[in-house]
Amino acid sequence: MSAGAAAKPPILAVSPDSIRAAADAIRQGDLVAFPTETVYGLGADAGNDRAVAAVFAAKDRPRFNPLIVHVADREAAAALVRFDDRARALADAFWPGPLTLVLPRRPRGGVSLLAGAGLDTLAVRAPDHDVAQALLRACGRPIAAPSANRSGAVSPTTAAHVADDLGGRVAMILDGGPCRIGVESTVVDLTEAMPVLLRPGGIPGERLAALVGPLQAAPTGGPARSPGLLHRHYAPFRPVHPNARQSEFGDAFLGFGPGWPNATLNLSPAGNLEEAAANLFAMLRALDRDPFRAIRVAPIPDHGLGRAINDRLTRAAAAPSPEPDEDTWNDDRGPAAPCALPDDT
């Protein structure tokens, strides 16, 4: 990492002045980290190809992995994508909130092709966080925002996490305190006849199915329509071992529930999945250090938010793939450089 990237960016307390400064920075093509209810996002003007390219550069992220485009509400999203009855029902029920919808993009919606990885779809959501909403309205533009960390690393749930990971790669960080939910949004693809659950997250799939019917599992192969679908993702440097029943000498042990009195840390001593989700990334970061050799994690119930937690742990535990992933992707083999993309899509 260069000296410039290692420098710490300003962390700004939230105020009308800092919101205006952040909105101005985004309109000028700079990157701004900001809190949402899920994790901190690395925001760029979604219509600015160079700004979107800067997001990928800051994260060392492959261009085949789409970004989520954040909007203030359904009306703003409708200018970018086409809604059907299912999408309207889900947006009305869960927006603003931790739900991302993958929908057909409007050809003249003005979002960079790079933000959608060149696909004919876009992933959009309206965040449920006062700071994120204030920034979107002050900016007056959709904001492309993946998690504000290096690709493949643990997602940030505090402003300090962003500063530690990205340093001077971001112009400023709006400090809204710890994220309330702590795992990313649920992602649902509505471009098929039956909805597809691409990624479990902050809203359990059971609640979505109650409105739109059964959800298909995410397909394997083909281009990724959502972030967070790579085989190895959300990974600390130390090996992660989910579903551990006991600790091992030299390893950290991350408990869940009251049955682990000797755990190094406990996601939720009371066994509360919402508390565990909010603590997950911060605790993985805290244990990703000497003297620990690895991180062992107690079993997590596989329902509700537990599915999202287990999804993250499975990806964190996966062995590095011989195929190109977010840490090894060679841009020379990726799609065309950002400068070759049209300004208005």
Protein backbone atom coordinates (compact mmCIF):
# COMPACT_ATOMS: atom_id res chain seq x y z
CA MET A 1 0.00 0.00 0.00
CA SER A 2 1.37 3.43 -0.91
CA ALA A 3 2.16 6.13 1.61
CA GLY A 4 -0.85 8.09 0.42
CA ALA A 5 -3.11 5.11 0.90
CA ALA A 6 -1.72 4.55 4.39
CA ALA A 7 -2.51 8.09 5.58
CA LYS A 8 -5.64 8.33 7.71
CA PRO A 9 -8.52 10.34 6.18
CA PRO A 10 -10.47 12.87 8.22
CA ILE A 11 -13.22 11.34 10.34
CA LEU A 12 -16.00 13.89 10.61
CA ALA A 13 -18.68 14.08 13.26
CA VAL A 14 -22.11 14.23 11.67
CA SER A 15 -23.46 17.75 11.28
CA PRO A 16 -25.19 19.78 8.56
CA ASP A 17 -21.76 21.11 7.55
CA SER A 18 -20.12 17.69 7.31
CA ILE A 19 -23.08 16.29 5.33
CA ARG A 20 -22.77 19.19 2.87
CA ALA A 21 -19.00 18.67 2.60
CA ALA A 22 -19.48 14.96 1.94
CA ALA A 23 -22.16 15.62 -0.69
CA ASP A 24 -19.90 18.17 -2.42
CA ALA A 25 -17.03 15.67 -2.41
CA ILE A 26 -19.17 12.98 -4.05
CA ARG A 27 -20.43 15.40 -6.70
CA GLN A 28 -16.80 16.28 -7.43
CA GLY A 29 -15.91 12.63 -8.00
CA ASP A 30 -14.29 11.87 -4.63
CA LEU A 31 -14.97 8.85 -2.42
CA VAL A 32 -16.75 9.25 0.92
CA ALA A 33 -17.30 6.55 3.52
CA PHE A 34 -20.60 6.75 5.37
CA PRO A 35 -22.63 4.64 7.78
CA THR A 36 -25.69 2.61 6.93
CA GLU A 37 -27.74 0.34 9.17
CA THR A 38 -25.80 -2.66 7.78
CA VAL A 39 -22.10 -1.73 7.35
CA TYR A 40 -20.13 1.38 6.34
CA GLY A 41 -20.28 2.08 2.61
CA LEU A 42 -17.64 3.47 0.28
CA GLY A 43 -19.69 5.98 -1.67
CA ALA A 44 -19.20 7.42 -5.15
CA ASP A 45 -21.42 9.22 -7.65
CA ALA A 46 -23.04 6.25 -9.41
CA GLY A 47 -23.21 8.19 -12.67
CA ASN A 48 -19.52 9.10 -12.75
CA ASP A 49 -17.44 6.40 -14.44
CA ARG A 50 -14.16 7.64 -13.01
CA ALA A 51 -15.55 7.85 -9.49
CA VAL A 52 -16.95 4.31 -9.77
CA ALA A 53 -13.60 3.09 -11.09
CA ALA A 54 -11.96 4.74 -8.08
CA VAL A 55 -14.13 2.57 -5.81
CA PHE A 56 -12.76 -0.58 -7.42
CA ALA A 57 -9.22 0.78 -7.22
CA ALA A 58 -9.59 1.74 -3.55
CA LYS A 59 -10.90 -1.73 -2.69
CA ASP A 60 -8.64 -3.66 -5.11
CA ARG A 61 -11.93 -5.12 -6.32
CA PRO A 62 -12.55 -7.08 -9.56
CA ARG A 63 -14.83 -5.38 -12.06
CA PHE A 64 -17.03 -8.43 -12.55
CA ASN A 65 -18.58 -7.92 -9.09
CA PRO A 66 -21.44 -5.36 -9.26
CA LEU A 67 -21.91 -2.52 -6.80
CA ILE A 68 -25.12 -1.71 -4.94
CA VAL A 69 -26.57 1.64 -5.90
CA HIS A 70 -28.08 3.50 -2.94
CA VAL A 71 -31.08 5.79 -3.35
CA ALA A 72 -33.29 7.73 -0.97
CA ASP A 73 -36.58 5.98 -1.82
CA ARG A 74 -38.53 3.96 -4.36
CA GLU A 75 -39.26 7.03 -6.50
CA ALA A 76 -35.53 7.67 -6.91
CA ALA A 77 -34.90 3.99 -7.70
CA ALA A 78 -37.65 3.98 -10.34
CA ALA A 79 -35.60 6.44 -12.39
CA LEU A 80 -32.83 3.85 -12.60
CA VAL A 81 -34.60 0.47 -12.79
CA ARG A 82 -37.95 -1.02 -13.80
CA PHE A 83 -40.23 -2.17 -10.98
CA ASP A 84 -42.82 -4.93 -11.27
CA ASP A 85 -45.54 -5.72 -8.74
CA ARG A 86 -43.20 -7.92 -6.67
CA ALA A 87 -40.55 -5.21 -6.47
CA ARG A 88 -43.11 -2.60 -5.49
CA ALA A 89 -44.47 -4.87 -2.76
CA LEU A 90 -41.02 -5.54 -1.30
CA ALA A 91 -39.89 -1.92 -1.51
CA ASP A 92 -43.10 -0.71 0.13
CA ALA A 93 -42.70 -3.24 2.94
CA PHE A 94 -38.96 -3.06 3.61
CA TRP A 95 -37.59 0.26 2.29
CA PRO A 96 -35.85 2.04 3.71
CA GLY A 97 -34.10 -1.02 5.07
CA PRO A 98 -31.48 -3.74 4.56
CA LEU A 99 -32.95 -5.12 1.32
CA THR A 100 -31.30 -4.88 -2.11
CA LEU A 101 -33.35 -5.58 -5.22
CA VAL A 102 -31.77 -6.62 -8.52
CA LEU A 103 -33.96 -5.24 -11.30
CA PRO A 104 -33.73 -4.46 -15.04
CA ARG A 105 -31.84 -1.22 -15.51
CA ARG A 106 -33.27 1.66 -17.52
CA PRO A 107 -31.03 2.33 -20.54
CA ARG A 108 -31.07 6.08 -19.86
CA GLY A 109 -31.01 5.89 -16.09
CA GLY A 110 -27.62 7.57 -15.93
CA VAL A 111 -25.80 4.94 -13.87
CA SER A 112 -22.29 3.94 -14.94
CA LEU A 113 -22.08 0.59 -16.70
CA LEU A 114 -19.12 -0.18 -14.48
CA ALA A 115 -21.31 0.07 -11.38
CA GLY A 116 -23.40 -2.82 -12.69
CA ALA A 117 -20.43 -4.79 -14.04
CA GLY A 118 -21.76 -4.25 -17.56
CA LEU A 119 -24.97 -6.19 -16.89
CA ASP A 120 -28.48 -5.21 -17.96
CA THR A 121 -29.50 -5.21 -14.29
CA LEU A 122 -28.78 -3.01 -11.27
CA ALA A 123 -28.73 -3.77 -7.57
CA VAL A 124 -30.52 -0.95 -5.72
CA ARG A 125 -31.57 -0.23 -2.16
CA ALA A 126 -32.74 2.59 0.12
CA PRO A 127 -30.74 2.52 3.39
CA ASP A 128 -32.45 2.92 6.77
CA HIS A 129 -29.96 5.28 8.39
CA ASP A 130 -30.39 8.99 9.05
CA VAL A 131 -26.84 9.86 7.94
CA ALA A 132 -27.08 7.85 4.72
CA GLN A 133 -30.47 9.38 3.93
CA ALA A 134 -29.22 12.91 4.64
CA LEU A 135 -26.21 12.35 2.39
CA LEU A 136 -28.31 10.98 -0.46
CA ARG A 137 -30.70 13.92 -0.32
CA ALA A 138 -27.92 16.50 -0.03
CA CYS A 139 -26.05 14.88 -2.91
CA GLY A 140 -29.11 14.62 -5.13
CA ARG A 141 -27.60 11.67 -6.97
CA PRO A 142 -27.60 7.88 -6.58
CA ILE A 143 -24.53 6.66 -4.68
CA ALA A 144 -22.73 3.45 -5.60
CA ALA A 145 -21.44 2.04 -2.35
CA PRO A 146 -19.93 -1.35 -1.56
CA SER A 147 -18.63 -1.98 1.94
CA ALA A 148 -15.79 0.41 2.83
CA ASN A 149 -12.97 -2.11 3.15
CA ARG A 150 -10.40 -3.85 0.99
CA SER A 151 -12.05 -6.54 -1.10
CA GLY A 152 -12.33 -9.90 0.59
CA ALA A 153 -11.59 -8.47 4.04
CA VAL A 154 -13.94 -8.18 6.99
CA SER A 155 -16.63 -5.55 6.45
CA PRO A 156 -16.43 -2.34 8.52
CA THR A 157 -19.00 -1.53 11.18
CA THR A 158 -17.29 1.58 12.64
CA ALA A 159 -15.56 4.62 11.20
CA ALA A 160 -12.27 3.44 12.71
CA HIS A 161 -12.50 0.18 10.75
CA VAL A 162 -12.74 2.19 7.52
CA ALA A 163 -9.75 4.36 8.41
CA ASP A 164 -7.66 1.30 9.29
CA ASP A 165 -8.49 -0.52 6.05
CA LEU A 166 -8.59 2.21 3.41
CA GLY A 167 -6.51 5.06 4.81
CA GLY A 168 -6.03 7.87 2.30
CA ARG A 169 -7.94 6.05 -0.43
CA VAL A 170 -11.08 7.80 0.82
CA ALA A 171 -11.51 11.59 1.00
CA MET A 172 -13.42 11.58 4.29
CA ILE A 173 -15.43 9.39 6.65
CA LEU A 174 -18.74 10.38 8.19
CA ASP A 175 -18.81 8.93 11.69
CA GLY A 176 -22.29 7.71 12.56
CA GLY A 177 -21.19 5.31 15.29
CA PRO A 178 -21.43 1.50 15.16
CA CYS A 179 -23.76 0.04 12.56
CA ARG A 180 -27.05 -1.16 14.01
CA ILE A 181 -27.44 -4.43 12.06
CA GLY A 182 -23.84 -5.28 11.26
CA VAL A 183 -24.27 -7.63 8.28
CA GLU A 184 -24.95 -6.61 4.71
CA SER A 185 -28.36 -6.32 3.10
CA THR A 186 -30.36 -9.24 1.82
CA VAL A 187 -30.14 -9.35 -2.00
CA VAL A 188 -33.05 -10.62 -4.11
CA ASP A 189 -33.00 -10.93 -7.90
CA LEU A 190 -36.42 -10.16 -9.37
CA THR A 191 -35.47 -10.50 -13.03
CA GLU A 192 -36.59 -14.16 -13.14
CA ALA A 193 -40.06 -15.67 -13.03
CA MET A 194 -39.36 -16.83 -9.47
CA PRO A 195 -37.44 -14.52 -7.08
CA VAL A 196 -33.85 -15.60 -6.40
CA LEU A 197 -32.18 -15.11 -3.02
CA LEU A 198 -28.69 -14.09 -4.11
CA ARG A 199 -27.43 -13.26 -0.63
CA PRO A 200 -28.94 -13.70 2.84
CA GLY A 201 -28.65 -10.60 4.97
CA GLY A 202 -30.37 -8.14 7.25
CA ILE A 203 -33.95 -9.24 6.40
CA PRO A 204 -34.67 -12.97 6.72
CA GLY A 205 -35.78 -14.65 3.51
CA GLU A 206 -38.89 -16.00 5.25
CA ARG A 207 -40.27 -12.46 5.58
CA LEU A 208 -39.70 -11.80 1.88
CA ALA A 209 -41.27 -15.09 0.82
CA ALA A 210 -44.41 -14.17 2.74
CA LEU A 211 -44.95 -11.35 0.22
CA VAL A 212 -43.62 -12.72 -3.08
CA GLY A 213 -43.68 -16.49 -2.70
CA PRO A 214 -40.83 -19.03 -2.52
CA LEU A 215 -37.28 -17.84 -3.18
CA GLN A 216 -34.91 -19.85 -5.37
CA ALA A 217 -31.34 -20.44 -4.25
CA ALA A 218 -28.60 -18.44 -5.98
CA PRO A 219 -27.36 -20.12 -9.18
CA THR A 220 -23.76 -21.19 -9.64
CA GLY A 221 -21.66 -20.05 -12.57
CA GLY A 222 -22.24 -17.13 -14.91
CA PRO A 223 -21.69 -13.47 -14.10
CA ALA A 224 -22.30 -12.35 -10.52
CA ARG A 225 -25.43 -10.20 -10.21
CA SER A 226 -24.70 -9.21 -6.64
CA PRO A 227 -21.81 -8.40 -4.37
CA GLY A 228 -20.75 -10.99 -1.81
CA LEU A 229 -21.08 -14.04 -4.07
CA LEU A 230 -17.41 -14.92 -4.45
CA HIS A 231 -16.30 -18.30 -3.05
CA ARG A 232 -13.90 -16.71 -0.54
CA HIS A 233 -15.07 -13.40 0.89
CA TYR A 234 -15.32 -11.42 4.14
CA ALA A 235 -12.08 -13.17 5.20
CA PRO A 236 -9.71 -12.34 8.07
CA PHE A 237 -6.03 -13.16 7.60
CA ARG A 238 -6.25 -16.01 10.12
CA PRO A 239 -8.09 -19.22 9.21
CA VAL A 240 -11.72 -19.36 10.31
CA HIS A 241 -13.32 -22.61 11.51
CA PRO A 242 -17.14 -22.41 11.86
CA ASN A 243 -19.24 -24.88 13.88
CA ALA A 244 -16.43 -25.51 16.36
CA ARG A 245 -17.41 -27.42 19.49
CA GLN A 246 -14.27 -26.65 21.46
CA SER A 247 -11.27 -24.36 21.44
CA GLU A 248 -7.79 -25.48 20.41
CA PHE A 249 -4.51 -24.39 21.98
CA GLY A 250 -3.31 -21.16 20.37
CA ASP A 251 -6.63 -20.39 18.66
CA ALA A 252 -9.19 -17.74 19.49
CA PHE A 253 -12.71 -18.99 20.23
CA LEU A 254 -15.77 -16.94 19.29
CA GLY A 255 -18.78 -18.12 21.23
CA PHE A 256 -22.52 -17.74 20.74
CA GLY A 257 -24.96 -18.14 23.61
CA PRO A 258 -24.46 -18.92 27.29
CA GLY A 259 -22.65 -22.24 26.88
CA TRP A 260 -19.17 -20.87 26.25
CA PRO A 261 -17.83 -19.36 29.52
CA ASN A 262 -14.22 -19.62 28.34
CA ALA A 263 -14.73 -18.07 24.90
CA THR A 264 -12.24 -15.37 23.92
CA LEU A 265 -15.21 -13.27 22.81
CA ASN A 266 -18.93 -14.03 22.55
CA LEU A 267 -21.11 -12.80 19.70
CA SER A 268 -24.11 -12.80 22.03
CA PRO A 269 -23.98 -14.37 25.52
CA ALA A 270 -27.80 -14.35 25.50
CA GLY A 271 -27.99 -16.15 22.15
CA ASN A 272 -29.58 -13.17 20.34
CA LEU A 273 -29.02 -13.37 16.57
CA GLU A 274 -29.49 -9.63 16.06
CA GLU A 275 -26.79 -8.89 18.64
CA ALA A 276 -24.55 -11.53 17.06
CA ALA A 277 -24.96 -10.04 13.59
CA ALA A 278 -24.11 -6.57 14.86
CA ASN A 279 -20.96 -7.91 16.58
CA LEU A 280 -19.76 -10.34 13.90
CA PHE A 281 -17.35 -8.28 11.82
CA ALA A 282 -15.98 -6.22 14.71
CA MET A 283 -15.21 -9.38 16.70
CA LEU A 284 -13.60 -11.16 13.75
CA ARG A 285 -11.37 -8.12 13.38
CA ALA A 286 -10.56 -8.09 17.09
CA LEU A 287 -9.47 -11.76 16.98
CA ASP A 288 -7.49 -11.46 13.74
CA ARG A 289 -4.20 -10.75 15.55
CA ASP A 290 -1.32 -12.30 17.45
CA PRO A 291 -1.04 -14.50 19.44
CA PHE A 292 -3.96 -16.35 17.83
CA ARG A 293 -3.25 -18.85 15.05
CA ALA A 294 -6.86 -19.25 13.92
CA ILE A 295 -10.42 -18.28 14.83
CA ARG A 296 -12.87 -20.99 15.87
CA VAL A 297 -16.56 -20.08 15.95
CA ALA A 298 -19.31 -21.83 17.89
CA PRO A 299 -22.32 -23.16 15.95
CA ILE A 300 -24.83 -20.50 14.90
CA PRO A 301 -28.53 -21.41 14.42
CA ASP A 302 -29.24 -21.46 10.69
CA HIS A 303 -32.45 -19.44 10.65
CA GLY A 304 -33.30 -15.75 10.38
CA LEU A 305 -30.17 -13.61 10.69
CA GLY A 306 -28.26 -16.78 11.55
CA ARG A 307 -28.30 -17.67 7.87
CA ALA A 308 -26.57 -14.41 6.99
CA ILE A 309 -23.99 -14.96 9.74
CA ASN A 310 -23.31 -18.52 8.57
CA ASP A 311 -23.05 -17.34 4.96
CA ARG A 312 -20.31 -14.88 5.98
CA LEU A 313 -18.49 -17.47 8.07
CA THR A 314 -18.59 -20.05 5.27
CA ARG A 315 -17.07 -17.57 2.82
CA ALA A 316 -14.48 -16.47 5.38
CA ALA A 317 -13.52 -20.10 5.97
CA ALA A 318 -13.22 -21.10 2.31
CA ALA A 319 -9.79 -22.03 1.05
CA PRO A 320 -8.38 -19.55 -1.48
CA SER A 321 -9.58 -20.55 -4.94
CA PRO A 322 -7.25 -21.17 -7.88
CA GLU A 323 -9.71 -19.16 -9.93
CA PRO A 324 -9.38 -15.33 -9.97
CA ASP A 325 -11.02 -13.83 -6.90
CA GLU A 326 -11.18 -10.41 -5.31
CA ASP A 327 -7.58 -10.66 -4.09
CA THR A 328 -5.93 -12.13 -7.21
CA TRP A 329 -7.93 -10.78 -10.16
CA ASN A 330 -5.77 -9.46 -13.00
CA ASP A 331 -7.49 -6.40 -14.48
CA ASP A 332 -5.87 -7.13 -17.85
CA ARG A 333 -8.31 -10.05 -18.12
CA GLY A 334 -11.32 -8.03 -17.04
CA PRO A 335 -13.73 -5.94 -19.08
CA ALA A 336 -12.80 -2.74 -20.88
CA ALA A 337 -11.13 0.05 -18.93
CA PRO A 338 -13.46 2.64 -17.39
CA CYS A 339 -12.44 5.34 -19.86
CA ALA A 340 -13.97 3.26 -22.67
CA LEU A 341 -17.42 3.41 -21.09
CA PRO A 342 -19.99 6.03 -22.09
CA ASP A 343 -20.73 8.83 -19.63
CA ASP A 344 -24.50 8.25 -19.72
CA THR A 345 -25.94 4.75 -19.71
